[in-house]
Amino acid sequence: MFSQKTLWGSLIALVLLTGTSGVAFAEMPAHSSEQTSQFQHIEQPLGLKVGVAIAGLALIGLELWWFLLYKIRDS
């Protein structure tokens, strides 16, 4: 079904995509015993917002190309 090379490549890609070694996790501030049900607003830089939007649109475009146009080109 899958070749061993394809399987290993997929596993390596999955590990690289889900790796968290370079990600810094934010810590929750220490409060007293009471919990608040409201979310805190975190301001994101404009460049990060634009980058995430462009990356998302690029991935959507890539998926559309793959599922709609790639098979037509081979025929």
Protein backbone atom coordinates (compact mmCIF):
# COMPACT_ATOMS: atom_id res chain seq x y z
CA MET A 1 0.00 0.00 0.00
CA PHE A 2 2.59 2.59 1.12
CA SER A 3 6.25 2.27 0.43
CA GLN A 4 8.62 2.34 3.37
CA LYS A 5 10.17 5.57 2.10
CA THR A 6 6.76 7.30 1.99
CA LEU A 7 5.88 6.06 5.45
CA TRP A 8 9.15 7.28 6.99
CA GLY A 9 8.84 10.62 5.21
CA SER A 10 5.32 11.10 6.53
CA LEU A 11 6.37 10.22 10.07
CA ILE A 12 9.31 12.62 9.98
CA ALA A 13 7.11 15.40 8.61
CA LEU A 14 4.57 14.78 11.37
CA VAL A 15 7.26 14.97 14.05
CA LEU A 16 8.65 18.19 12.59
CA LEU A 17 5.22 19.79 12.35
CA THR A 18 4.19 18.87 15.88
CA GLY A 19 7.54 19.53 17.54
CA THR A 20 7.44 22.15 20.28
CA SER A 21 11.13 22.60 20.99
CA GLY A 22 11.20 26.20 19.69
CA VAL A 23 7.86 27.24 21.17
CA ALA A 24 7.80 29.18 24.42
CA PHE A 25 4.71 28.43 26.44
CA ALA A 26 3.01 31.23 28.35
CA GLU A 27 2.49 30.67 32.03
CA MET A 28 -0.77 31.43 33.74
CA PRO A 29 -0.47 34.27 36.23
CA ALA A 30 -0.74 33.21 39.87
CA HIS A 31 -4.10 34.33 41.27
CA SER A 32 -5.76 33.70 44.54
CA SER A 33 -8.03 30.67 44.80
CA GLU A 34 -10.85 32.37 42.87
CA GLN A 35 -11.12 31.59 39.15
CA THR A 36 -12.36 34.12 36.61
CA SER A 37 -14.47 33.01 33.68
CA GLN A 38 -13.32 35.84 31.43
CA PHE A 39 -10.59 35.60 28.83
CA GLN A 40 -7.61 37.90 28.92
CA HIS A 41 -6.87 39.93 25.79
CA ILE A 42 -3.44 39.23 24.32
CA GLU A 43 -2.29 41.70 21.68
CA GLN A 44 -0.66 40.02 18.70
CA PRO A 45 1.77 41.89 16.42
CA LEU A 46 0.33 42.90 13.05
CA GLY A 47 3.13 41.07 11.19
CA LEU A 48 2.21 37.82 12.93
CA LYS A 49 -1.47 38.24 12.04
CA VAL A 50 -0.64 38.92 8.38
CA GLY A 51 1.83 36.03 8.25
CA VAL A 52 -0.68 33.55 9.66
CA ALA A 53 -3.37 34.77 7.26
CA ILE A 54 -1.05 34.48 4.24
CA ALA A 55 0.12 31.01 5.31
CA GLY A 56 -3.48 29.87 5.74
CA LEU A 57 -4.48 31.16 2.33
CA ALA A 58 -1.43 29.53 0.77
CA LEU A 59 -2.34 26.18 2.32
CA ILE A 60 -5.94 26.47 1.14
CA GLY A 61 -4.72 27.29 -2.37
CA LEU A 62 -2.31 24.35 -2.31
CA GLU A 63 -5.08 21.98 -1.24
CA LEU A 64 -7.40 23.25 -3.97
CA TRP A 65 -4.66 22.82 -6.55
CA TRP A 66 -3.87 19.32 -5.33
CA PHE A 67 -7.44 18.02 -5.21
CA LEU A 68 -8.85 19.82 -8.25
CA LEU A 69 -6.07 20.51 -10.73
CA TYR A 70 -3.23 18.05 -10.12
CA LYS A 71 -5.13 14.99 -11.40
CA ILE A 72 -6.36 16.85 -14.50
CA ARG A 73 -2.80 17.72 -15.51
CA ASP A 74 -1.71 14.06 -15.40
CA SER A 75 -4.52 12.88 -17.68
